[in-house]
Protein backbone atom coordinates (compact mmCIF):
# COMPACT_ATOMS: atom_id res chain seq x y z
CA MET A 1 -0.27 0.19 -0.20
CA THR A 2 0.62 3.67 -0.81
CA THR A 3 2.01 6.36 1.60
CA PRO A 4 -0.94 8.41 2.20
CA PRO A 5 0.18 11.38 0.26
CA LEU A 6 -1.18 14.35 3.42
CA ASP A 7 0.28 13.94 7.02
CA THR A 8 -2.40 13.53 9.72
CA ALA A 9 -3.45 16.73 10.24
CA GLN A 10 -3.61 18.24 6.77
CA LEU A 11 -6.36 15.20 6.36
CA HIS A 12 -8.00 16.74 9.14
CA ALA A 13 -7.93 20.28 8.23
CA ARG A 14 -9.72 19.78 4.74
CA LEU A 15 -11.89 17.20 6.11
CA ALA A 16 -12.51 19.92 8.58
CA THR A 17 -13.63 22.75 5.87
CA VAL A 18 -16.58 20.25 5.46
CA VAL A 19 -18.10 19.79 8.99
CA GLY A 20 -16.01 21.18 11.23
CA ALA A 21 -12.94 20.92 12.94
CA ASP A 22 -14.82 19.37 15.94
CA HIS A 23 -16.75 17.35 13.91
CA VAL A 24 -13.43 15.79 13.10
CA SER A 25 -10.94 13.35 15.04
CA ALA A 26 -8.36 10.68 15.34
CA VAL A 27 -10.35 7.18 16.14
CA PRO A 28 -10.75 7.13 19.85
CA SER A 29 -8.63 4.90 21.57
CA GLY A 30 -10.00 2.11 22.49
CA ALA A 31 -12.93 2.35 19.68
CA CYS A 32 -14.12 -0.72 17.93
CA TYR A 33 -17.22 0.12 16.33
CA GLY A 34 -18.73 -3.02 16.48
CA GLY A 35 -15.79 -5.23 16.03
CA LEU A 36 -15.03 -3.59 12.74
CA LEU A 37 -11.19 -2.35 14.27
CA GLY A 38 -10.05 -5.35 15.82
CA ALA A 39 -7.72 -7.64 16.33
CA HIS A 40 -7.92 -8.59 12.89
CA LEU A 41 -7.29 -5.05 10.97
CA SER A 42 -3.76 -4.26 9.61
CA ALA A 43 -2.06 -1.26 11.28
CA ASP A 44 -1.98 0.52 7.84
CA LEU A 45 -5.14 -0.20 6.97
CA HIS A 46 -6.84 1.53 10.24
CA PRO A 47 -8.78 4.20 9.75
CA ARG A 48 -6.76 8.04 9.76
CA ALA A 49 -9.54 10.04 11.00
CA VAL A 50 -13.30 10.06 11.98
CA VAL A 51 -15.53 12.45 10.29
CA ARG A 52 -19.06 13.09 11.56
CA PRO A 53 -21.49 14.85 9.34
CA ALA A 54 -24.65 16.50 10.23
CA SER A 55 -26.81 15.58 7.67
CA ALA A 56 -26.80 13.99 3.94
CA GLU A 57 -25.36 17.14 1.78
CA GLN A 58 -21.95 17.33 4.12
CA LEU A 59 -21.51 13.42 2.97
CA GLN A 60 -21.86 14.30 -0.81
CA ARG A 61 -19.16 16.71 0.14
CA LEU A 62 -17.36 14.55 1.87
CA ALA A 63 -17.49 11.43 -0.31
CA PRO A 64 -16.01 12.61 -3.27
CA MET A 65 -13.49 14.14 -1.00
CA ILE A 66 -12.26 11.42 0.90
CA ALA A 67 -11.81 9.05 -2.20
CA GLU A 68 -9.79 12.36 -4.55
CA LEU A 69 -7.78 12.17 -1.02
CA GLY A 70 -6.46 9.02 -2.01
CA HIS A 71 -8.66 7.46 1.40
CA GLY A 72 -11.19 4.50 1.49
CA LEU A 73 -14.70 6.44 2.75
CA TRP A 74 -15.80 3.61 6.13
CA SER A 75 -19.18 3.80 7.78
CA SER A 76 -20.83 3.20 10.73
CA GLY A 77 -24.48 4.74 12.33
CA ASN A 78 -23.09 5.52 15.46
CA ALA A 79 -19.89 4.21 17.86
CA THR A 80 -21.88 1.17 18.40
CA GLY A 81 -20.74 -0.07 15.13
CA ASN A 82 -23.40 -2.33 14.06
CA GLY A 83 -24.11 -1.85 10.25
CA ALA A 84 -20.05 -0.96 9.67
CA GLN A 85 -19.27 -1.23 6.20
CA ARG A 86 -15.04 -1.03 5.32
CA GLY A 87 -13.89 0.77 2.77
CA HIS A 88 -10.63 0.08 -0.20
CA PRO A 89 -9.10 -3.23 1.30
CA ARG A 90 -5.76 -1.69 0.02
CA LYS A 91 -6.11 1.96 1.26
CA ALA A 92 -6.23 3.46 4.64
CA GLY A 93 -9.45 5.23 5.74
CA VAL A 94 -10.95 8.00 7.17
CA LEU A 95 -14.62 6.65 9.19
CA VAL A 96 -18.12 8.25 8.69
CA ASP A 97 -19.65 8.39 11.49
CA LEU A 98 -23.42 8.99 11.20
CA GLY A 99 -24.52 9.67 14.87
CA ARG A 100 -24.91 13.60 14.30
CA MET A 101 -27.66 12.45 11.50
CA ASN A 102 -30.16 11.04 14.01
CA ARG A 103 -33.60 13.12 13.56
CA ILE A 104 -36.43 11.83 12.88
CA ILE A 105 -38.50 12.68 10.44
CA ASP A 106 -42.12 11.70 10.43
CA VAL A 107 -43.44 8.91 12.38
CA ASP A 108 -47.37 8.54 11.02
CA ARG A 109 -50.06 6.89 13.79
CA ARG A 110 -52.34 6.15 10.38
CA GLY A 111 -49.98 4.78 8.20
CA ALA A 112 -47.67 3.49 10.24
CA PHE A 113 -44.23 3.96 9.22
CA ALA A 114 -42.02 5.87 10.01
CA VAL A 115 -39.23 8.48 8.68
CA ILE A 116 -35.87 8.48 9.79
CA GLU A 117 -31.67 9.59 9.32
CA ALA A 118 -29.65 6.65 9.77
CA GLY A 119 -28.27 8.20 12.61
CA VAL A 120 -31.72 7.24 14.96
CA THR A 121 -31.61 4.61 17.94
CA TYR A 122 -34.23 2.12 18.36
CA ALA A 123 -34.11 4.20 22.06
CA GLU A 124 -34.32 7.35 20.32
CA LEU A 125 -37.38 6.29 18.43
CA ALA A 126 -38.67 4.23 21.08
CA ALA A 127 -39.03 7.60 23.18
CA HIS A 128 -40.30 9.09 19.98
CA VAL A 129 -43.10 6.58 20.57
CA ARG A 130 -43.79 6.05 23.96
CA GLU A 131 -44.11 10.43 24.77
CA ARG A 132 -46.67 10.77 22.15
CA ASP A 133 -48.83 7.35 23.18
CA LEU A 134 -48.84 5.96 19.66
CA PRO A 135 -50.49 2.62 19.16
CA LEU A 136 -47.87 1.18 17.03
CA TRP A 137 -44.63 -1.20 18.11
CA LEU A 138 -41.11 -1.30 17.08
CA ASP A 139 -39.25 -4.55 15.91
CA ALA A 140 -36.01 -3.60 18.11
CA ASP A 141 -32.48 -5.12 17.78
CA THR A 142 -30.90 -6.29 21.65
CA ASN A 143 -29.05 -2.97 21.82
CA GLY A 144 -30.53 -0.25 22.55
CA ALA A 145 -27.79 1.94 21.67
CA HIS A 146 -27.86 0.41 17.77
CA THR A 147 -29.00 2.24 14.66
CA VAL A 148 -32.42 1.27 13.22
CA ALA A 149 -30.13 1.73 9.79
CA GLY A 150 -27.20 -0.26 10.82
CA SER A 151 -29.41 -3.13 12.01
CA ILE A 152 -31.18 -3.26 8.95
CA ALA A 153 -27.43 -3.72 6.51
CA SER A 154 -26.31 -5.91 8.97
CA ARG A 155 -29.85 -8.12 8.51
CA TYR A 156 -30.48 -8.46 12.21
CA THR A 157 -33.89 -10.17 12.85
CA GLY A 158 -36.71 -9.82 15.28
CA LEU A 159 -39.54 -11.94 16.89
CA THR A 160 -42.67 -9.41 15.88
CA PRO A 161 -44.73 -10.62 12.92
CA TYR A 162 -42.26 -6.99 11.91
CA GLY A 163 -39.44 -9.38 12.60
CA ASP A 164 -38.26 -9.39 8.94
CA HIS A 165 -35.89 -6.20 9.40
CA GLN A 166 -35.52 -5.95 5.90
CA ALA A 167 -38.33 -6.78 4.80
CA ALA A 168 -40.20 -3.46 6.78
CA VAL A 169 -37.97 -0.91 4.66
CA CYS A 170 -39.83 1.48 2.25
CA GLY A 171 -37.97 3.86 0.43
CA ILE A 172 -33.94 4.13 1.26
CA GLU A 173 -31.79 7.84 0.37
CA ALA A 174 -28.07 6.89 0.03
CA VAL A 175 -24.84 8.85 -1.31
CA LEU A 176 -22.97 7.19 -3.80
CA ALA A 177 -19.52 7.54 -3.87
CA ASN A 178 -19.14 10.07 -5.87
CA GLY A 179 -21.91 12.56 -3.42
CA ALA A 180 -24.52 11.32 -5.93
CA LEU A 181 -28.35 11.57 -3.90
CA LEU A 182 -29.75 8.03 -4.92
CA ARG A 183 -34.48 8.27 -3.86
CA THR A 184 -35.26 4.89 -3.94
CA GLY A 185 -39.09 3.53 -4.95
CA MET A 186 -41.56 6.85 -4.79
CA GLY A 187 -39.26 8.64 -3.03
CA ALA A 188 -37.33 9.33 -5.79
CA LEU A 189 -40.27 11.73 -7.08
CA PRO A 190 -40.47 15.00 -6.07
CA GLY A 191 -42.74 16.32 -3.74
CA SER A 192 -44.67 12.69 -3.79
CA ASP A 193 -45.70 11.08 -0.28
CA CYS A 194 -45.62 7.69 -1.16
CA GLY A 195 -41.94 6.52 -0.20
CA ALA A 196 -42.54 5.06 2.72
CA ARG A 197 -45.56 3.95 1.90
CA TYR A 198 -44.97 2.10 -1.58
CA LYS A 199 -41.52 0.44 -2.16
CA TYR A 200 -41.36 0.46 -5.93
CA GLY A 201 -40.49 2.99 -8.63
CA PHE A 202 -40.93 3.27 -12.15
CA GLY A 203 -37.40 0.99 -12.54
CA PRO A 204 -35.69 -2.17 -10.68
CA ALA A 205 -35.92 -2.44 -6.47
CA LEU A 206 -32.85 -1.54 -5.77
CA ASP A 207 -33.18 -1.01 -1.51
CA GLY A 208 -31.37 -4.64 -1.35
CA LEU A 209 -28.14 -2.61 -2.62
CA PHE A 210 -27.51 -1.32 0.77
CA SER A 211 -27.57 -4.98 2.81
CA ARG A 212 -24.26 -6.29 3.54
CA ALA A 213 -22.91 -4.04 0.75
CA HIS A 214 -20.76 -1.16 -0.25
CA PHE A 215 -22.36 0.35 -2.89
CA GLY A 216 -23.51 3.53 -0.81
CA VAL A 217 -24.19 5.05 2.77
CA VAL A 218 -27.59 5.60 3.57
CA THR A 219 -28.39 8.21 4.96
CA ARG A 220 -32.62 8.12 5.21
CA LEU A 221 -35.49 5.38 5.24
CA GLY A 222 -38.92 4.78 5.85
CA LEU A 223 -39.95 1.79 8.17
CA TRP A 224 -42.71 -0.07 8.55
CA LEU A 225 -44.22 -0.30 12.25
CA MET A 226 -46.36 -2.83 13.76
CA PRO A 227 -49.64 -1.68 14.31
CA ALA A 228 -50.46 -2.47 18.64
CA PRO A 229 -52.32 -5.22 18.64
CA ARG A 230 -55.06 -5.98 20.54
CA LYS A 231 -54.24 -9.48 21.67
CA PHE A 232 -50.49 -10.36 22.53
CA MET A 233 -49.95 -14.37 23.90
CA PRO A 234 -46.45 -15.19 24.37
CA PHE A 235 -45.02 -18.76 25.12
CA ALA A 236 -42.55 -21.03 26.46
CA LEU A 237 -41.00 -24.44 26.30
CA ALA A 238 -38.91 -26.30 27.39
CA LEU A 239 -36.75 -28.97 24.99
CA PRO A 240 -34.78 -31.33 26.77
CA ASP A 241 -32.66 -32.17 23.96
CA LEU A 242 -32.28 -31.56 19.84
CA ALA A 243 -34.25 -35.10 18.78
CA SER A 244 -37.19 -32.89 20.81
CA MET A 245 -35.93 -29.16 19.45
CA ALA A 246 -36.11 -31.11 15.73
CA ARG A 247 -39.92 -32.87 16.45
CA THR A 248 -41.24 -29.12 17.55
CA ILE A 249 -40.12 -27.82 14.70
CA ASP A 250 -41.64 -29.71 12.06
CA ARG A 251 -44.66 -29.33 13.54
CA LEU A 252 -44.71 -25.37 14.31
CA GLN A 253 -43.18 -25.04 10.55
CA PRO A 254 -47.28 -25.49 9.38
CA LEU A 255 -48.51 -23.31 11.38
CA MET A 256 -45.59 -20.60 11.00
CA LEU A 257 -46.61 -21.13 6.28
CA ASP A 258 -50.62 -20.50 7.36
CA GLY A 259 -50.23 -17.14 8.99
CA GLY A 260 -51.09 -18.74 12.99
CA LEU A 261 -47.80 -18.00 14.47
CA GLY A 262 -47.21 -14.24 13.26
CA GLY A 263 -44.11 -14.04 14.01
CA HIS A 264 -40.47 -15.19 14.61
CA VAL A 265 -40.32 -18.31 16.73
CA LEU A 266 -37.18 -19.00 19.35
CA ILE A 267 -35.24 -21.30 20.12
CA ALA A 268 -32.27 -20.52 22.74
CA ALA A 269 -29.67 -22.93 24.14
CA HIS A 270 -28.69 -22.85 27.61
CA SER A 271 -25.64 -20.60 27.50
CA SER A 272 -27.30 -18.18 24.71
CA ASP A 273 -30.04 -17.17 27.78
CA ALA A 274 -27.84 -16.94 30.26
CA ALA A 275 -24.64 -14.91 27.94
CA LEU A 276 -27.50 -12.73 27.48
CA LEU A 277 -28.33 -12.44 31.53
CA ALA A 278 -24.56 -12.49 32.37
CA ARG A 279 -24.44 -9.39 29.43
CA LEU A 280 -27.78 -7.51 31.81
CA GLY A 281 -26.35 -8.20 34.89
CA ASN A 282 -27.78 -11.29 35.71
CA ASP A 283 -26.31 -13.82 36.62
CA ALA A 284 -29.82 -16.21 37.48
CA GLY A 285 -29.30 -17.91 33.83
CA ARG A 286 -26.60 -19.86 35.50
CA SER A 287 -28.09 -22.79 37.21
CA SER A 288 -27.40 -26.41 36.73
CA GLY A 289 -31.20 -27.19 36.73
CA ALA A 290 -32.00 -24.62 33.60
CA PRO A 291 -33.09 -27.49 30.46
CA PRO A 292 -30.88 -27.50 27.23
CA TRP A 293 -32.52 -25.54 25.50
CA THR A 294 -35.94 -22.97 25.42
CA LEU A 295 -38.50 -22.25 23.19
CA TYR A 296 -40.03 -18.33 23.14
CA GLY A 297 -42.98 -17.64 21.42
CA ALA A 298 -45.51 -14.85 20.88
CA LEU A 299 -49.08 -15.19 18.86
CA TYR A 300 -49.81 -11.74 17.96
CA GLY A 301 -53.87 -9.96 16.69
CA VAL A 302 -57.36 -9.47 17.38
CA PRO A 303 -58.97 -11.80 20.25
CA GLU A 304 -60.85 -14.33 18.80
CA MET A 305 -57.60 -15.18 16.00
CA VAL A 306 -55.36 -15.56 19.03
CA GLU A 307 -57.70 -17.57 21.20
CA HIS A 308 -58.34 -19.15 18.42
CA HIS A 309 -54.68 -19.99 16.92
CA GLY A 310 -53.85 -20.51 20.55
CA GLN A 311 -55.62 -23.74 20.27
CA ARG A 312 -54.12 -24.97 16.76
CA LEU A 313 -50.87 -24.21 18.45
CA ALA A 314 -51.62 -26.97 21.86
CA LEU A 315 -52.56 -29.40 20.07
CA ALA A 316 -49.35 -28.94 17.96
CA LEU A 317 -46.99 -29.21 21.31
CA ASP A 318 -49.26 -31.46 23.23
CA SER A 319 -49.71 -28.68 25.59
CA ALA A 320 -51.59 -25.21 26.19
CA PRO A 321 -49.05 -22.49 25.59
CA ALA A 322 -48.00 -20.65 28.57
CA ALA A 323 -45.61 -18.08 30.01
CA GLY A 324 -42.25 -18.93 31.48
CA GLN A 325 -40.65 -18.03 34.66
CA GLY A 326 -37.24 -16.45 35.67
CA ALA A 327 -34.53 -14.15 35.11
CA ALA A 328 -34.45 -15.44 31.17
CA TRP A 329 -38.17 -15.08 30.59
CA ASP A 330 -38.34 -11.70 31.59
CA ALA A 331 -35.43 -10.99 28.99
CA ARG A 332 -37.23 -12.82 26.12
CA LEU A 333 -40.65 -11.55 26.83
CA ARG A 334 -39.21 -8.21 25.78
CA GLN A 335 -37.49 -8.85 22.57
CA LEU A 336 -40.87 -10.35 21.83
CA ARG A 337 -42.99 -7.06 22.20
CA GLY A 338 -39.57 -6.18 19.72
CA GLU A 339 -37.77 -3.92 22.93
CA ALA A 340 -34.41 -3.04 23.26
CA LEU A 341 -32.93 -4.77 26.22
CA TYR A 342 -30.07 -2.33 26.86
CA ASN A 343 -28.14 0.52 25.17
CA ASP A 344 -24.50 0.23 24.95
CA ALA A 345 -23.04 2.82 22.66
CA ASP A 346 -19.31 2.34 23.10
CA GLY A 347 -19.56 -0.95 20.39
CA HIS A 348 -18.37 -3.82 23.01
CA ASP A 349 -20.98 -5.71 23.27
CA ALA A 350 -20.71 -7.18 19.47
CA CYS A 351 -19.34 -11.66 19.52
CA ALA A 352 -15.95 -11.29 17.83
CA LEU A 353 -16.11 -14.01 15.93
CA SER A 354 -19.64 -15.38 15.24
CA PHE A 355 -21.77 -16.10 12.02
CA THR A 356 -25.56 -17.38 10.81
CA LEU A 357 -26.20 -19.84 9.04
CA LEU A 358 -28.84 -20.65 6.99
CA ALA A 359 -31.45 -23.44 6.46
CA PRO A 360 -35.28 -24.91 5.61
CA ALA A 361 -37.23 -24.69 8.69
CA SER A 362 -37.46 -28.71 9.07
CA GLY A 363 -36.05 -30.94 12.32
CA ALA A 364 -33.58 -33.12 10.24
CA ASP A 365 -31.70 -29.62 8.76
CA VAL A 366 -30.96 -28.57 12.05
CA GLN A 367 -29.74 -31.63 13.22
CA ALA A 368 -27.38 -30.96 10.77
CA LEU A 369 -26.64 -28.09 11.08
CA HIS A 370 -25.95 -28.58 15.10
CA HIS A 371 -23.99 -31.73 14.43
CA ALA A 372 -21.34 -29.78 11.48
CA VAL A 373 -20.63 -26.83 14.41
CA LEU A 374 -20.31 -28.58 16.89
CA THR A 375 -17.74 -30.85 14.75
CA ARG A 376 -15.98 -28.02 13.73
CA LEU A 377 -16.21 -25.97 17.70
CA ALA A 378 -16.75 -27.78 20.78
CA GLU A 379 -13.49 -26.74 22.47
CA PHE A 380 -14.47 -23.24 21.46
CA ALA A 381 -17.75 -23.41 23.87
CA PRO A 382 -19.78 -22.60 21.38
CA ARG A 383 -23.14 -20.43 22.02
CA LEU A 384 -26.20 -21.03 19.52
CA SER A 385 -29.67 -20.26 19.23
CA VAL A 386 -32.25 -21.13 16.33
CA GLN A 387 -34.70 -18.60 14.74
CA LEU A 388 -37.91 -20.10 13.08
CA ALA A 389 -39.78 -18.30 10.51
CA ARG A 390 -42.32 -19.38 8.08
CA ARG A 391 -39.89 -20.94 5.25
CA TYR A 392 -36.78 -21.14 7.47
CA LEU A 393 -34.86 -21.40 10.19
CA THR A 394 -31.44 -19.57 10.99
CA LEU A 395 -28.70 -20.42 13.34
CA THR A 396 -26.26 -18.63 14.98
CA VAL A 397 -22.91 -19.52 16.35
CA GLU A 398 -21.30 -17.22 19.14
CA LEU A 399 -17.81 -18.04 20.58
CA PRO A 400 -17.06 -16.52 23.96
CA ASP A 401 -14.30 -13.74 24.39
CA GLU A 402 -12.65 -16.20 26.17
CA SER A 403 -12.53 -18.53 23.25
CA VAL A 404 -12.23 -16.45 20.90
CA ALA A 405 -8.62 -15.35 22.91
CA ASP A 406 -7.39 -18.77 20.98
CA GLY A 407 -6.02 -18.28 17.20
CA ASP A 408 -7.13 -21.62 16.05
CA ALA A 409 -11.13 -20.54 16.64
CA ALA A 410 -11.00 -18.25 13.44
CA GLY A 411 -10.00 -21.38 11.47
CA ALA A 412 -12.46 -23.50 12.93
CA ALA A 413 -15.65 -20.92 12.83
CA LEU A 414 -14.37 -21.22 8.54
CA ALA A 415 -14.19 -24.61 8.29
CA ALA A 416 -17.50 -25.01 10.41
CA ILE A 417 -18.91 -22.46 7.69
CA LYS A 418 -16.69 -24.36 4.48
CA ASP A 419 -18.26 -27.01 5.61
CA LEU A 420 -22.25 -26.33 5.64
CA LEU A 421 -21.52 -24.18 2.56
CA GLY A 422 -20.27 -27.30 0.48
CA ALA A 423 -23.78 -29.40 2.00
CA GLY A 424 -25.65 -26.85 0.44
CA TYR A 425 -26.99 -25.01 3.27
CA GLY A 426 -26.57 -20.95 3.29
CA LEU A 427 -24.75 -18.01 4.95
CA HIS A 428 -27.01 -15.18 6.45
CA SER A 429 -24.44 -12.89 7.98
CA SER A 430 -20.85 -13.16 10.00
CA SER A 431 -18.85 -11.16 12.14
CA PRO A 432 -16.27 -8.28 10.70
CA ALA A 433 -13.82 -10.78 11.16
CA LEU A 434 -14.97 -13.60 9.76
CA ALA A 435 -16.40 -11.58 6.78
CA ALA A 436 -13.54 -10.59 4.56
CA GLU A 437 -12.28 -14.07 4.47
CA LEU A 438 -15.38 -15.01 3.79
CA THR A 439 -16.85 -13.17 0.56
CA ALA A 440 -13.32 -13.53 -0.78
CA ARG A 441 -13.67 -17.72 -0.53
CA HIS A 442 -17.72 -18.10 -1.59
CA THR A 443 -18.39 -15.18 -3.55
CA PRO A 444 -19.31 -16.89 -7.03
CA ALA A 445 -17.47 -15.89 -10.44
CA GLY A 446 -21.12 -15.43 -11.41
CA LEU A 447 -21.73 -12.91 -8.15
CA ARG A 448 -18.47 -11.42 -8.47
CA HIS A 449 -18.82 -10.35 -11.77
CA LEU A 450 -22.18 -8.37 -10.84
CA TYR A 451 -20.80 -7.19 -7.81
CA ASP A 452 -17.98 -5.47 -10.05
CA GLY A 453 -19.98 -4.08 -12.26
CA LEU A 454 -22.09 -2.32 -9.88
CA HIS A 455 -19.48 -1.07 -8.43
CA THR A 456 -18.19 0.61 -11.91
CA ALA A 457 -21.36 1.82 -12.08
CA LEU A 458 -22.37 3.23 -8.93
CA ASP A 459 -18.59 3.93 -8.17
CA PRO A 460 -16.97 6.06 -10.14
CA TYR A 461 -13.51 5.91 -8.23
CA ALA A 462 -13.84 1.73 -7.83
CA MET A 463 -11.31 0.23 -10.94
CA LEU A 464 -9.36 2.91 -11.04
CA ALA A 465 -8.10 2.51 -7.51
CA THR A 466 -8.20 -1.12 -7.92
CA ARG A 467 -5.77 -0.98 -11.05
CA GLY A 468 -3.61 1.65 -8.94
CA LYS A 469 -4.18 4.64 -11.66
CA PHE A 470 -6.59 6.44 -9.83
CA THR A 471 -5.77 10.61 -9.66
CA PRO A 472 -8.56 13.27 -9.32
CA ASP A 473 -8.34 14.25 -12.45
CA LYS A 474 -8.92 10.70 -13.61
CA ALA A 475 -11.68 10.69 -11.59
CA ARG A 476 -13.21 13.55 -12.73
CA ARG A 477 -13.38 12.41 -16.65
CA LYS A 478 -14.71 9.23 -15.32
CA ARG A 479 -18.34 10.75 -14.28
């Protein structure tokens, strides 16, 4: 990598011409931005500055400036690092922190949607809804300090009927690498009131371009919210072993397909519940008498339908759905209501090594996933949780911090993922420490060709920078 042309003071001074000197700094000591700046990142690629714009207009000026100064643009919703994305893989970076862009532009009570900037956190949006006594529910990340836009970009999913966060997005505003402003769907029409009501415009649907991708920086989005259900029936079920979990999944999936279970179902290993409680400062979940797995779910809707589906659920489970007990239940109950569980504004809550696998919603498949993961990772004491949706399930694997200190953990995680991808399962997401290598290893040639074409179309600097021929004059001619 070539030495950046500006020293640090000069770089900061140039960036300050856009946002002011108070909003440009070195990366704070100890900041990890959700694992983005972990030990896996070489020192010469560590961002040389953090810049905090207050508006999309400022970011439009910053994006081409950062490229012309020979740096890659990194971005994060705020210091928690959720949804963070790395810049050019061979250039020092400038990290754009969007935390100042936290305006709640609109919350429409009748239409049940919000329009927010990229720095708005779940805690801020929840407070806004609560203070106005709006009959609306969010589906939040576990960390209320996470930004809504960042969690959507990270493909976080929740447990309510609005748990597929990407599906709840309606209309995105993003700044591209050359400073151009892109609005998707009906939001592209000047004066349209349908930007957060209808996803599609005249051309292709583009919102998915900004999910775990590097094609631009999202600055604003529309988000559909859940009308508060008239009846809410949460339940829990202890599962004594993997076989009973597999049987339960097979019994529940038909109810999910026909809408009887409108939300997602969480099946957490005891170690996963215990880790969550420890994060909340409660060790009650560490008792040896807890079941190996616990299922958490809820029915939502009008009373008559909830009662009807409750009866169907009782037949599927061989017992009436009942509330759980204890500290773990109290925490999961809040998740079933779409509430955040804690606020960690420093971004240290992210697991250093984690990944989520995707499989068909069947008991046989969850057993196969479980076996393959433990074959490679049993010595690292992984924490496991399963989330069941209508047509698929996900298995999330988190390695505790003490295991990650072992240098073999990342290699074992990559080997487990390779085994599972070879068996036909999918990779839903992964932590930053694994993401770059997984992308390089497992992106098929056709998809890589598409990515390269999109980068060329959306980022006028991409091919010039990759070939080591970048100059501002050439970039301007490319535009």
